[in-house]
C-alpha atoms as a PDB file:
ATOM      1  CA  MET A   1      24.889 120.823  90.916  1.00  0.00           C
ATOM      2  CA  SER A   2      27.994 119.948  92.885  1.00  0.00           C
ATOM      3  CA  PHE A   3      28.008 120.974  96.571  1.00  0.00           C
ATOM      4  CA  LEU A   4      31.222 122.860  95.803  1.00  0.00           C
ATOM      5  CA  ALA A   5      29.344 125.193  93.511  1.00  0.00           C
ATOM      6  CA  MET A   6      26.353 125.895  95.741  1.00  0.00           C
ATOM      7  CA  PRO A   7      26.108 129.641  96.364  1.00  0.00           C
ATOM      8  CA  HIS A   8      25.065 130.964  99.750  1.00  0.00           C
ATOM      9  CA  PRO A   9      24.007 134.471 100.706  1.00  0.00           C
ATOM     10  CA  ALA A  10      26.583 136.696 102.394  1.00  0.00           C
ATOM     11  CA  ALA A  11      24.392 137.022 105.455  1.00  0.00           C
ATOM     12  CA  ALA A  12      24.345 133.271 105.948  1.00  0.00           C
ATOM     13  CA  ARG A  13      28.134 133.193 105.714  1.00  0.00           C
ATOM     14  CA  ARG A  14      28.449 135.733 108.509  1.00  0.00           C
ATOM     15  CA  LEU A  15      25.831 134.101 110.760  1.00  0.00           C
ATOM     16  CA  PHE A  16      28.029 131.500 112.323  1.00  0.00           C
ATOM     17  CA  LEU A  17      31.200 133.572 112.273  1.00  0.00           C
ATOM     18  CA  GLY A  18      29.562 136.252 114.386  1.00  0.00           C
ATOM     19  CA  GLN A  19      27.796 133.951 116.811  1.00  0.00           C
ATOM     20  CA  SER A  20      30.297 131.117 117.211  1.00  0.00           C
ATOM     21  CA  GLY A  21      31.359 129.968 120.622  1.00  0.00           C
ATOM     22  CA  LEU A  22      33.871 127.512 119.218  1.00  0.00           C
ATOM     23  CA  VAL A  23      36.040 125.779 121.766  1.00  0.00           C
ATOM     24  CA  LEU A  24      38.710 124.560 119.334  1.00  0.00           C
ATOM     25  CA  SER A  25      39.554 127.768 117.577  1.00  0.00           C
ATOM     26  CA  GLY A  26      39.825 129.795 120.754  1.00  0.00           C
ATOM     27  CA  ALA A  27      41.086 127.252 123.278  1.00  0.00           C
ATOM     28  CA  ALA A  28      43.427 125.350 121.022  1.00  0.00           C
ATOM     29  CA  VAL A  29      45.115 128.465 119.769  1.00  0.00           C
ATOM     30  CA  ALA A  30      45.394 129.801 123.278  1.00  0.00           C
ATOM     31  CA  LEU A  31      46.823 126.573 124.662  1.00  0.00           C
ATOM     32  CA  LEU A  32      49.194 125.915 121.790  1.00  0.00           C
ATOM     33  CA  ALA A  33      50.488 129.468 121.613  1.00  0.00           C
ATOM     34  CA  GLY A  34      49.863 130.475 125.238  1.00  0.00           C
ATOM     35  CA  LYS A  35      52.155 131.013 128.173  1.00  0.00           C
ATOM     36  CA  ASP A  36      51.806 127.472 129.519  1.00  0.00           C
ATOM     37  CA  VAL A  37      53.093 125.953 126.290  1.00  0.00           C
ATOM     38  CA  LEU A  38      55.833 128.551 125.904  1.00  0.00           C
ATOM     39  CA  ALA A  39      57.019 127.737 129.418  1.00  0.00           C
ATOM     40  CA  ALA A  40      56.829 124.051 128.583  1.00  0.00           C
ATOM     41  CA  LYS A  41      59.176 124.501 125.641  1.00  0.00           C
ATOM     42  CA  SER A  42      62.142 124.755 127.957  1.00  0.00           C
ATOM     43  CA  GLN A  43      61.219 121.448 129.577  1.00  0.00           C
ATOM     44  CA  GLY A  44      62.295 119.363 126.526  1.00  0.00           C
ATOM     45  CA  ALA A  45      60.324 116.116 126.116  1.00  0.00           C
ATOM     46  CA  ALA A  46      57.854 117.127 128.795  1.00  0.00           C
ATOM     47  CA  GLY A  47      57.099 120.295 126.825  1.00  0.00           C
ATOM     48  CA  ASP A  48      56.737 118.336 123.610  1.00  0.00           C
ATOM     49  CA  ILE A  49      54.322 115.943 125.368  1.00  0.00           C
ATOM     50  CA  GLN A  50      52.233 118.871 126.575  1.00  0.00           C
ATOM     51  CA  ILE A  51      52.062 120.354 123.083  1.00  0.00           C
ATOM     52  CA  LEU A  52      51.198 116.943 121.579  1.00  0.00           C
ATOM     53  CA  ASN A  53      48.479 116.350 124.163  1.00  0.00           C
ATOM     54  CA  THR A  54      46.971 119.757 123.445  1.00  0.00           C
ATOM     55  CA  ALA A  55      46.944 118.898 119.739  1.00  0.00           C
ATOM     56  CA  LEU A  56      45.482 115.487 120.549  1.00  0.00           C
ATOM     57  CA  GLY A  57      42.703 117.094 122.583  1.00  0.00           C
ATOM     58  CA  ALA A  58      41.890 119.361 119.631  1.00  0.00           C
ATOM     59  CA  GLU A  59      41.845 116.403 117.197  1.00  0.00           C
ATOM     60  CA  LEU A  60      39.496 114.499 119.507  1.00  0.00           C
ATOM     61  CA  GLU A  61      37.254 117.533 119.616  1.00  0.00           C
ATOM     62  CA  ALA A  62      37.265 117.719 115.815  1.00  0.00           C
ATOM     63  CA  ILE A  63      36.310 114.020 115.597  1.00  0.00           C
ATOM     64  CA  ALA A  64      33.333 114.752 117.889  1.00  0.00           C
ATOM     65  CA  ALA A  65      32.370 117.843 115.899  1.00  0.00           C
ATOM     66  CA  TYR A  66      32.337 115.961 112.642  1.00  0.00           C
ATOM     67  CA  GLN A  67      30.254 113.266 114.313  1.00  0.00           C
ATOM     68  CA  LEU A  68      27.765 115.905 115.395  1.00  0.00           C
ATOM     69  CA  GLY A  69      27.592 117.134 111.781  1.00  0.00           C
ATOM     70  CA  ALA A  70      27.219 113.616 110.417  1.00  0.00           C
ATOM     71  CA  GLU A  71      24.417 112.776 112.838  1.00  0.00           C
ATOM     72  CA  SER A  72      22.611 116.066 112.300  1.00  0.00           C
ATOM     73  CA  LYS A  73      20.855 114.773 109.187  1.00  0.00           C
ATOM     74  CA  LEU A  74      21.476 118.209 107.692  1.00  0.00           C
ATOM     75  CA  LEU A  75      24.210 117.087 105.251  1.00  0.00           C
ATOM     76  CA  GLN A  76      23.491 115.990 101.712  1.00  0.00           C
ATOM     77  CA  LYS A  77      25.221 112.818 100.570  1.00  0.00           C
ATOM     78  CA  PRO A  78      28.342 114.320  98.949  1.00  0.00           C
ATOM     79  CA  VAL A  79      28.827 116.732 101.867  1.00  0.00           C
ATOM     80  CA  LEU A  80      28.317 113.908 104.384  1.00  0.00           C
ATOM     81  CA  ASP A  81      30.910 111.855 102.571  1.00  0.00           C
ATOM     82  CA  LEU A  82      33.350 114.779 102.725  1.00  0.00           C
ATOM     83  CA  ALA A  83      32.697 115.303 106.441  1.00  0.00           C
ATOM     84  CA  LEU A  84      33.322 111.626 107.149  1.00  0.00           C
ATOM     85  CA  THR A  85      36.542 111.741 105.134  1.00  0.00           C
ATOM     86  CA  PHE A  86      37.777 114.735 107.113  1.00  0.00           C
ATOM     87  CA  GLN A  87      36.729 113.007 110.363  1.00  0.00           C
ATOM     88  CA  GLY A  88      38.826 110.026 109.301  1.00  0.00           C
ATOM     89  CA  HIS A  89      41.818 112.299 108.818  1.00  0.00           C
ATOM     90  CA  HIS A  90      41.335 113.666 112.338  1.00  0.00           C
ATOM     91  CA  LYS A  91      41.125 110.061 113.650  1.00  0.00           C
ATOM     92  CA  GLU A  92      44.451 109.327 111.943  1.00  0.00           C
ATOM     93  CA  HIS A  93      46.005 112.472 113.420  1.00  0.00           C
ATOM     94  CA  ALA A  94      44.706 111.542 116.890  1.00  0.00           C
ATOM     95  CA  ASP A  95      46.072 108.039 116.627  1.00  0.00           C
ATOM     96  CA  VAL A  96      49.539 109.200 115.646  1.00  0.00           C
ATOM     97  CA  LEU A  97      49.544 111.910 118.317  1.00  0.00           C
ATOM     98  CA  ALA A  98      48.474 109.467 121.047  1.00  0.00           C
ATOM     99  CA  LYS A  99      51.115 106.912 120.043  1.00  0.00           C
ATOM    100  CA  THR A 100      53.758 109.637 119.982  1.00  0.00           C
ATOM    101  CA  VAL A 101      52.798 110.850 123.480  1.00  0.00           C
ATOM    102  CA  SER A 102      53.035 107.265 124.751  1.00  0.00           C
ATOM    103  CA  LYS A 103      56.365 106.712 122.999  1.00  0.00           C
ATOM    104  CA  LEU A 104      57.734 109.831 124.700  1.00  0.00           C
ATOM    105  CA  GLY A 105      56.613 108.495 128.088  1.00  0.00           C
ATOM    106  CA  GLY A 106      53.485 110.533 128.522  1.00  0.00           C
ATOM    107  CA  ASN A 107      49.840 109.706 128.999  1.00  0.00           C
ATOM    108  CA  PRO A 108      47.672 110.642 126.040  1.00  0.00           C
ATOM    109  CA  VAL A 109      44.615 112.737 126.873  1.00  0.00           C
ATOM    110  CA  ALA A 110      41.238 111.121 126.375  1.00  0.00           C
ATOM    111  CA  ALA A 111      38.229 112.491 124.556  1.00  0.00           C
ATOM    112  CA  LYS A 112      35.817 114.422 126.721  1.00  0.00           C
ATOM    113  CA  ALA A 113      32.512 112.783 127.560  1.00  0.00           C
ATOM    114  CA  LYS A 114      30.773 115.876 126.169  1.00  0.00           C
ATOM    115  CA  TYR A 115      31.848 118.932 124.157  1.00  0.00           C
ATOM    116  CA  ASN A 116      30.184 122.285 124.324  1.00  0.00           C
ATOM    117  CA  PHE A 117      29.251 122.649 120.661  1.00  0.00           C
ATOM    118  CA  PRO A 118      26.617 125.183 119.518  1.00  0.00           C
ATOM    119  CA  ALA A 119      24.359 122.390 118.274  1.00  0.00           C
ATOM    120  CA  GLU A 120      21.237 124.593 118.550  1.00  0.00           C
ATOM    121  CA  GLN A 121      22.766 126.949 115.932  1.00  0.00           C
ATOM    122  CA  LEU A 122      23.215 124.133 113.376  1.00  0.00           C
ATOM    123  CA  THR A 123      19.965 124.256 111.476  1.00  0.00           C
ATOM    124  CA  SER A 124      21.146 123.873 107.893  1.00  0.00           C
ATOM    125  CA  GLN A 125      23.891 122.265 105.864  1.00  0.00           C
ATOM    126  CA  ALA A 126      25.526 125.698 105.493  1.00  0.00           C
ATOM    127  CA  ASP A 127      25.588 126.067 109.302  1.00  0.00           C
ATOM    128  CA  VAL A 128      27.338 122.727 109.682  1.00  0.00           C
ATOM    129  CA  LEU A 129      29.865 123.637 106.992  1.00  0.00           C
ATOM    130  CA  LYS A 130      30.565 127.005 108.626  1.00  0.00           C
ATOM    131  CA  PHE A 131      31.051 125.300 111.984  1.00  0.00           C
ATOM    132  CA  ALA A 132      33.456 122.803 110.477  1.00  0.00           C
ATOM    133  CA  ALA A 133      35.302 125.536 108.556  1.00  0.00           C
ATOM    134  CA  LYS A 134      35.802 127.545 111.785  1.00  0.00           C
ATOM    135  CA  LEU A 135      37.115 124.447 113.502  1.00  0.00           C
ATOM    136  CA  GLU A 136      39.560 123.803 110.689  1.00  0.00           C
ATOM    137  CA  GLN A 137      40.643 127.440 110.666  1.00  0.00           C
ATOM    138  CA  GLY A 138      41.322 127.146 114.397  1.00  0.00           C
ATOM    139  CA  ALA A 139      43.316 123.972 113.817  1.00  0.00           C
ATOM    140  CA  VAL A 140      45.447 125.673 111.183  1.00  0.00           C
ATOM    141  CA  SER A 141      46.218 128.516 113.552  1.00  0.00           C
ATOM    142  CA  ALA A 142      46.920 126.140 116.419  1.00  0.00           C
ATOM    143  CA  TYR A 143      49.330 124.000 114.471  1.00  0.00           C
ATOM    144  CA  LEU A 144      50.989 127.097 113.024  1.00  0.00           C
ATOM    145  CA  GLY A 145      51.618 128.284 116.578  1.00  0.00           C
ATOM    146  CA  ALA A 146      52.846 124.866 117.723  1.00  0.00           C
ATOM    147  CA  VAL A 147      55.361 124.111 114.973  1.00  0.00           C
ATOM    148  CA  PRO A 148      58.143 126.358 116.294  1.00  0.00           C
ATOM    149  CA  LEU A 149      57.588 125.334 119.914  1.00  0.00           C
ATOM    150  CA  PHE A 150      58.662 121.707 119.703  1.00  0.00           C
ATOM    151  CA  GLY A 151      62.086 120.906 121.139  1.00  0.00           C
ATOM    152  CA  ASN A 152      62.235 117.879 118.820  1.00  0.00           C
ATOM    153  CA  ARG A 153      62.378 119.178 115.249  1.00  0.00           C
ATOM    154  CA  ASP A 154      60.973 115.916 113.880  1.00  0.00           C
ATOM    155  CA  LEU A 155      57.781 116.700 115.825  1.00  0.00           C
ATOM    156  CA  SER A 156      57.747 120.144 114.219  1.00  0.00           C
ATOM    157  CA  LYS A 157      57.829 118.482 110.777  1.00  0.00           C
ATOM    158  CA  ALA A 158      54.979 116.157 111.713  1.00  0.00           C
ATOM    159  CA  ALA A 159      52.882 119.043 113.075  1.00  0.00           C
ATOM    160  CA  ALA A 160      53.543 120.997 109.866  1.00  0.00           C
ATOM    161  CA  SER A 161      52.275 118.010 107.850  1.00  0.00           C
ATOM    162  CA  ILE A 162      49.069 117.941 109.868  1.00  0.00           C
ATOM    163  CA  LEU A 163      48.805 121.730 109.480  1.00  0.00           C
ATOM    164  CA  GLY A 164      48.824 121.249 105.676  1.00  0.00           C
ATOM    165  CA  ASP A 165      45.978 118.756 105.928  1.00  0.00           C
ATOM    166  CA  GLU A 166      43.930 121.069 108.140  1.00  0.00           C
ATOM    167  CA  ALA A 167      44.504 123.954 105.682  1.00  0.00           C
ATOM    168  CA  MET A 168      43.213 121.823 102.821  1.00  0.00           C
ATOM    169  CA  HIS A 169      40.123 120.928 104.852  1.00  0.00           C
ATOM    170  CA  TRP A 170      39.509 124.626 105.572  1.00  0.00           C
ATOM    171  CA  ALA A 171      39.944 125.587 101.925  1.00  0.00           C
ATOM    172  CA  ILE A 172      37.548 122.866 100.679  1.00  0.00           C
ATOM    173  CA  LEU A 173      34.946 123.798 103.270  1.00  0.00           C
ATOM    174  CA  ARG A 174      35.200 127.469 102.265  1.00  0.00           C
ATOM    175  CA  GLN A 175      34.757 126.460  98.656  1.00  0.00           C
ATOM    176  CA  ALA A 176      31.721 124.389  99.536  1.00  0.00           C
ATOM    177  CA  LEU A 177      30.235 127.522 101.161  1.00  0.00           C
ATOM    178  CA  GLY A 178      30.787 129.561  98.019  1.00  0.00           C
ATOM    179  CA  GLU A 179      33.649 131.516  99.649  1.00  0.00           C
ATOM    180  CA  ALA A 180      37.122 132.068  98.283  1.00  0.00           C
ATOM    181  CA  PRO A 181      38.892 128.846  99.268  1.00  0.00           C
ATOM    182  CA  VAL A 182      42.151 130.693 100.014  1.00  0.00           C
ATOM    183  CA  PRO A 183      41.173 134.095 101.412  1.00  0.00           C
ATOM    184  CA  SER A 184      44.720 135.535 101.618  1.00  0.00           C
ATOM    185  CA  ALA A 185      48.324 134.839 100.723  1.00  0.00           C
ATOM    186  CA  PHE A 186      49.274 134.204 104.381  1.00  0.00           C
ATOM    187  CA  VAL A 187      47.747 132.155 107.176  1.00  0.00           C
ATOM    188  CA  ALA A 188      47.481 134.104 110.437  1.00  0.00           C
END
């Protein structure tokens, strides 16, 4: 049976959603759509650098999260391959974001030495998938909030492209969990 067709009980689906302490979905959305970034918009390139660095920090966090999932030994081969593919996408995003920050005259943020992931709550493949899906959902919301904030419209286009990739990740992870891959007609 394909991992995309594996059914999971409704209670298991809600487990992680109700107990998550995810840094990316809360912090990234708050930073990208928060007052600091809105104030930065009026600062032109400096504001764009701040938004890009926030996105870079979120991408670096996603890379670390997928590494945690990969090293958990909880993922079956096809799911592990998928996680590593998505991690590779996040690495590509991070590389482009860091280069863009540098090109604009800023200093790219570095990965944290340690992230506060709920590792103790990851006890099954479904838990890891739910964790990753929540991260991707947060990334979608964060990029959605960031797109209109860029002073440079080319950066908005690039962020929208990354948003599309994050949305596909989220949909595929939802499908892998036996959930509707696209839960509504609009992304909030």
